[in-house]
């Protein structure tokens, strides 16, 4: 089974409200087997004509099904509704493999 990675590009309009979202979603991510691999930080576009990302986050889940469980969790859906009011986010999911 392949791991499932989620690349997040987010613009935060209200840092205080977004922090509540981030703090609330972290335990749900972990409960569904997910973990943060990257959470903000400096980045560089090293090659190519890539758009200018805003704030990058990289999540890893054991499977697409685990991500779907997280994303459809009622507690997360309520947090997501609040996040939509204070940020603009792009989510990109991709299956991949990591070495154990």
N, C-alpha and C. Protein backbone atom coordinates (compact mmCIF):
# COMPACT_ATOMS: atom_id res chain seq x y z
N UNK A 1 0.85 -1.18 0.00
CA UNK A 1 0.00 0.00 0.00
C UNK A 1 0.90 1.25 0.00
N UNK A 2 0.52 2.23 -0.76
CA UNK A 2 1.30 3.46 -0.88
C UNK A 2 0.90 4.45 0.20
N UNK A 3 1.90 5.20 0.66
CA UNK A 3 1.61 6.35 1.53
C UNK A 3 0.86 7.37 0.70
N UNK A 4 0.19 8.29 1.38
CA UNK A 4 -0.52 9.37 0.69
C UNK A 4 -0.02 10.68 1.26
N UNK A 5 0.49 11.52 0.39
CA UNK A 5 1.04 12.81 0.78
C UNK A 5 0.10 13.92 0.35
N UNK A 6 -0.01 14.93 1.18
CA UNK A 6 -0.84 16.08 0.86
C UNK A 6 0.04 17.32 0.94
N UNK A 7 0.15 18.00 -0.20
CA UNK A 7 0.88 19.25 -0.29
C UNK A 7 -0.13 20.37 -0.11
N UNK A 8 0.15 21.26 0.82
CA UNK A 8 -0.77 22.36 1.15
C UNK A 8 -0.05 23.67 0.86
N UNK A 9 -0.72 24.55 0.14
CA UNK A 9 -0.24 25.90 -0.10
C UNK A 9 -1.31 26.82 0.45
N UNK A 10 -0.96 27.63 1.44
CA UNK A 10 -1.98 28.41 2.14
C UNK A 10 -1.57 29.87 2.28
N UNK A 11 -2.55 30.73 2.10
CA UNK A 11 -2.41 32.15 2.44
C UNK A 11 -3.26 32.36 3.68
N UNK A 12 -2.65 32.90 4.72
CA UNK A 12 -3.33 33.10 5.99
C UNK A 12 -3.70 34.57 6.12
N UNK A 13 -4.99 34.84 6.27
CA UNK A 13 -5.47 36.21 6.40
C UNK A 13 -5.66 36.63 7.85
N UNK A 14 -5.89 35.68 8.72
CA UNK A 14 -6.09 35.97 10.15
C UNK A 14 -5.27 34.94 10.94
N UNK A 15 -4.03 35.29 11.32
CA UNK A 15 -3.15 34.32 11.98
C UNK A 15 -3.71 33.75 13.28
N UNK A 16 -4.42 34.54 14.05
CA UNK A 16 -4.95 34.05 15.33
C UNK A 16 -6.02 32.99 15.08
N UNK A 17 -6.96 33.28 14.19
CA UNK A 17 -8.01 32.31 13.89
C UNK A 17 -7.43 31.07 13.19
N UNK A 18 -6.44 31.26 12.33
CA UNK A 18 -5.83 30.12 11.64
C UNK A 18 -5.10 29.22 12.64
N UNK A 19 -4.47 29.80 13.64
CA UNK A 19 -3.79 29.00 14.67
C UNK A 19 -4.79 28.10 15.40
N UNK A 20 -5.99 28.61 15.66
CA UNK A 20 -7.02 27.77 16.29
C UNK A 20 -7.35 26.58 15.39
N UNK A 21 -7.46 26.85 14.08
CA UNK A 21 -7.71 25.77 13.12
C UNK A 21 -6.57 24.76 13.15
N UNK A 22 -5.33 25.24 13.06
CA UNK A 22 -4.16 24.35 13.02
C UNK A 22 -4.05 23.53 14.30
N UNK A 23 -4.24 24.19 15.44
CA UNK A 23 -4.17 23.48 16.73
C UNK A 23 -5.27 22.44 16.84
N UNK A 24 -6.45 22.74 16.33
CA UNK A 24 -7.57 21.80 16.40
C UNK A 24 -7.45 20.64 15.43
N UNK A 25 -6.86 20.89 14.26
CA UNK A 25 -6.77 19.83 13.26
C UNK A 25 -5.63 18.85 13.53
N UNK A 26 -4.59 19.29 14.22
CA UNK A 26 -3.42 18.42 14.46
C UNK A 26 -3.80 17.10 15.15
N UNK A 27 -4.58 17.11 16.24
CA UNK A 27 -4.92 15.81 16.85
C UNK A 27 -5.79 14.92 15.95
N UNK A 28 -6.59 15.53 15.09
CA UNK A 28 -7.41 14.72 14.17
C UNK A 28 -6.51 14.09 13.12
N UNK A 29 -5.56 14.86 12.60
CA UNK A 29 -4.59 14.32 11.65
C UNK A 29 -3.87 13.13 12.27
N UNK A 30 -3.38 13.29 13.49
CA UNK A 30 -2.64 12.23 14.18
C UNK A 30 -3.54 11.02 14.46
N UNK A 31 -4.77 11.25 14.84
CA UNK A 31 -5.71 10.16 15.11
C UNK A 31 -5.95 9.32 13.85
N UNK A 32 -5.84 9.93 12.68
CA UNK A 32 -6.05 9.24 11.41
C UNK A 32 -4.74 8.70 10.83
N UNK A 33 -3.66 8.72 11.62
CA UNK A 33 -2.39 8.17 11.19
C UNK A 33 -1.51 9.14 10.44
N UNK A 34 -1.94 10.39 10.33
CA UNK A 34 -1.18 11.38 9.58
C UNK A 34 -0.12 12.06 10.44
N UNK A 35 0.82 12.68 9.75
CA UNK A 35 1.86 13.43 10.44
C UNK A 35 2.33 14.58 9.54
N UNK A 36 2.85 15.61 10.19
CA UNK A 36 3.44 16.73 9.46
C UNK A 36 4.88 16.38 9.09
N UNK A 37 5.23 16.57 7.85
CA UNK A 37 6.63 16.45 7.43
C UNK A 37 7.25 17.83 7.27
N UNK A 38 6.46 18.79 6.84
CA UNK A 38 6.88 20.18 6.68
C UNK A 38 5.72 21.04 7.16
N UNK A 39 6.04 22.08 7.90
CA UNK A 39 5.00 22.96 8.41
C UNK A 39 5.51 24.39 8.37
N UNK A 40 5.35 25.02 7.19
CA UNK A 40 5.85 26.37 7.02
C UNK A 40 7.35 26.33 6.80
N UNK A 41 8.00 27.43 7.02
CA UNK A 41 9.44 27.50 6.86
C UNK A 41 9.83 28.08 5.51
N UNK A 42 11.06 28.49 5.43
CA UNK A 42 11.59 29.09 4.21
C UNK A 42 11.66 28.04 3.10
N UNK A 43 11.45 28.46 1.87
CA UNK A 43 11.57 27.56 0.73
C UNK A 43 12.13 28.33 -0.45
N UNK A 44 12.62 27.58 -1.43
CA UNK A 44 13.16 28.15 -2.65
C UNK A 44 12.60 27.37 -3.83
N UNK A 45 12.23 28.05 -4.89
CA UNK A 45 11.93 27.39 -6.16
C UNK A 45 13.28 27.21 -6.84
N UNK A 46 13.74 25.98 -6.95
CA UNK A 46 15.10 25.69 -7.38
C UNK A 46 15.25 25.56 -8.89
N UNK A 47 14.17 25.22 -9.56
CA UNK A 47 14.25 25.04 -11.00
C UNK A 47 12.86 25.14 -11.59
N UNK A 48 12.75 25.66 -12.77
CA UNK A 48 11.48 25.70 -13.47
C UNK A 48 10.73 26.99 -13.25
N UNK A 49 9.57 27.05 -13.87
CA UNK A 49 8.72 28.23 -13.85
C UNK A 49 7.52 27.96 -12.95
N UNK A 50 7.76 27.74 -11.70
CA UNK A 50 6.72 27.40 -10.73
C UNK A 50 6.09 28.69 -10.21
N UNK A 51 4.82 28.63 -9.90
CA UNK A 51 4.17 29.79 -9.30
C UNK A 51 4.80 30.09 -7.94
N UNK A 52 4.43 31.16 -7.34
CA UNK A 52 5.02 31.55 -6.06
C UNK A 52 4.16 31.05 -4.91
N UNK A 53 4.55 29.95 -4.28
CA UNK A 53 3.79 29.44 -3.14
C UNK A 53 3.77 30.46 -2.00
N UNK A 54 2.79 30.32 -1.12
CA UNK A 54 2.64 31.25 -0.02
C UNK A 54 3.22 30.66 1.26
N UNK A 55 2.61 29.67 1.81
CA UNK A 55 3.13 28.94 2.99
C UNK A 55 2.90 27.47 2.68
N UNK A 56 3.94 26.68 2.76
CA UNK A 56 3.83 25.28 2.39
C UNK A 56 3.79 24.37 3.61
N UNK A 57 2.94 23.36 3.50
CA UNK A 57 2.81 22.32 4.51
C UNK A 57 2.80 21.00 3.75
N UNK A 58 3.45 19.98 4.30
CA UNK A 58 3.44 18.65 3.70
C UNK A 58 3.01 17.66 4.78
N UNK A 59 1.94 16.93 4.47
CA UNK A 59 1.41 15.91 5.37
C UNK A 59 1.62 14.53 4.77
N UNK A 60 1.76 13.55 5.64
CA UNK A 60 1.87 12.15 5.21
C UNK A 60 0.84 11.33 5.95
N UNK A 61 0.08 10.54 5.19
CA UNK A 61 -0.88 9.60 5.76
C UNK A 61 -0.50 8.19 5.29
N UNK A 62 -0.84 7.17 6.06
CA UNK A 62 -0.51 5.80 5.65
C UNK A 62 -1.17 5.39 4.33
N UNK A 63 -2.31 5.99 4.01
CA UNK A 63 -3.03 5.64 2.78
C UNK A 63 -4.01 6.76 2.41
N UNK A 64 -4.51 6.69 1.19
CA UNK A 64 -5.54 7.64 0.76
C UNK A 64 -6.78 7.50 1.63
N UNK A 65 -7.09 6.29 2.01
CA UNK A 65 -8.26 6.05 2.85
C UNK A 65 -8.11 6.74 4.20
N UNK A 66 -6.90 6.73 4.77
CA UNK A 66 -6.68 7.41 6.05
C UNK A 66 -6.85 8.92 5.89
N UNK A 67 -6.36 9.47 4.76
CA UNK A 67 -6.59 10.89 4.52
C UNK A 67 -8.08 11.18 4.40
N UNK A 68 -8.79 10.36 3.64
CA UNK A 68 -10.24 10.57 3.47
C UNK A 68 -10.96 10.53 4.81
N UNK A 69 -10.54 9.62 5.69
CA UNK A 69 -11.13 9.55 7.03
C UNK A 69 -10.91 10.86 7.77
N UNK A 70 -9.69 11.39 7.69
CA UNK A 70 -9.41 12.69 8.30
C UNK A 70 -10.27 13.79 7.68
N UNK A 71 -10.24 13.89 6.36
CA UNK A 71 -10.90 15.00 5.67
C UNK A 71 -12.41 15.00 5.87
N UNK A 72 -12.99 13.82 6.02
CA UNK A 72 -14.44 13.71 6.20
C UNK A 72 -14.88 13.62 7.65
N UNK A 73 -13.93 13.69 8.57
CA UNK A 73 -14.25 13.64 10.00
C UNK A 73 -15.13 14.85 10.35
N UNK A 74 -16.24 14.64 11.03
CA UNK A 74 -17.13 15.76 11.36
C UNK A 74 -16.45 16.87 12.16
N UNK A 75 -15.56 16.49 13.06
CA UNK A 75 -14.85 17.50 13.85
C UNK A 75 -13.94 18.34 12.94
N UNK A 76 -13.27 17.68 12.00
CA UNK A 76 -12.43 18.43 11.06
C UNK A 76 -13.28 19.30 10.14
N UNK A 77 -14.40 18.79 9.67
CA UNK A 77 -15.25 19.57 8.76
C UNK A 77 -15.69 20.87 9.41
N UNK A 78 -15.97 20.84 10.69
CA UNK A 78 -16.34 22.07 11.40
C UNK A 78 -15.15 23.04 11.46
N UNK A 79 -13.95 22.51 11.73
CA UNK A 79 -12.76 23.35 11.72
C UNK A 79 -12.50 23.92 10.32
N UNK A 80 -12.72 23.10 9.31
CA UNK A 80 -12.49 23.53 7.93
C UNK A 80 -13.40 24.71 7.59
N UNK A 81 -14.64 24.67 8.02
CA UNK A 81 -15.55 25.78 7.76
C UNK A 81 -15.02 27.08 8.34
N UNK A 82 -14.42 27.00 9.51
CA UNK A 82 -13.83 28.20 10.12
C UNK A 82 -12.58 28.63 9.35
N UNK A 83 -11.77 27.66 8.90
CA UNK A 83 -10.57 27.98 8.14
C UNK A 83 -10.90 28.68 6.84
N UNK A 84 -11.97 28.27 6.20
CA UNK A 84 -12.35 28.89 4.92
C UNK A 84 -12.59 30.39 5.07
N UNK A 85 -12.97 30.82 6.25
CA UNK A 85 -13.25 32.24 6.49
C UNK A 85 -11.98 33.07 6.66
N UNK A 86 -10.85 32.43 6.98
CA UNK A 86 -9.64 33.18 7.37
C UNK A 86 -8.41 32.84 6.53
N UNK A 87 -8.59 32.04 5.48
CA UNK A 87 -7.44 31.66 4.67
C UNK A 87 -7.89 31.20 3.29
N UNK A 88 -6.93 31.07 2.41
CA UNK A 88 -7.15 30.50 1.09
C UNK A 88 -6.16 29.36 0.96
N UNK A 89 -6.64 28.16 0.63
CA UNK A 89 -5.79 26.98 0.66
C UNK A 89 -5.95 26.17 -0.61
N UNK A 90 -4.84 25.63 -1.10
CA UNK A 90 -4.82 24.64 -2.17
C UNK A 90 -4.28 23.35 -1.57
N UNK A 91 -4.98 22.25 -1.81
CA UNK A 91 -4.55 20.93 -1.34
C UNK A 91 -4.27 20.06 -2.56
N UNK A 92 -3.12 19.40 -2.59
CA UNK A 92 -2.78 18.48 -3.66
C UNK A 92 -2.40 17.16 -3.02
N UNK A 93 -3.10 16.11 -3.39
CA UNK A 93 -2.80 14.79 -2.86
C UNK A 93 -2.06 13.93 -3.88
N UNK A 94 -1.11 13.14 -3.41
CA UNK A 94 -0.35 12.27 -4.31
C UNK A 94 0.06 11.00 -3.56
N UNK A 95 -0.12 9.85 -4.23
CA UNK A 95 0.33 8.59 -3.66
C UNK A 95 1.81 8.46 -3.90
N UNK A 96 2.50 7.86 -2.94
CA UNK A 96 3.94 7.67 -3.08
C UNK A 96 4.42 6.61 -2.12
N UNK A 97 5.68 6.29 -2.23
CA UNK A 97 6.29 5.29 -1.38
C UNK A 97 7.46 5.92 -0.64
N UNK A 98 7.66 5.50 0.59
CA UNK A 98 8.83 5.89 1.34
C UNK A 98 9.55 4.63 1.78
N UNK A 99 10.83 4.75 1.96
CA UNK A 99 11.60 3.61 2.43
C UNK A 99 11.43 3.48 3.93
N UNK A 100 11.32 2.26 4.39
CA UNK A 100 11.16 2.03 5.84
C UNK A 100 12.49 2.03 6.52
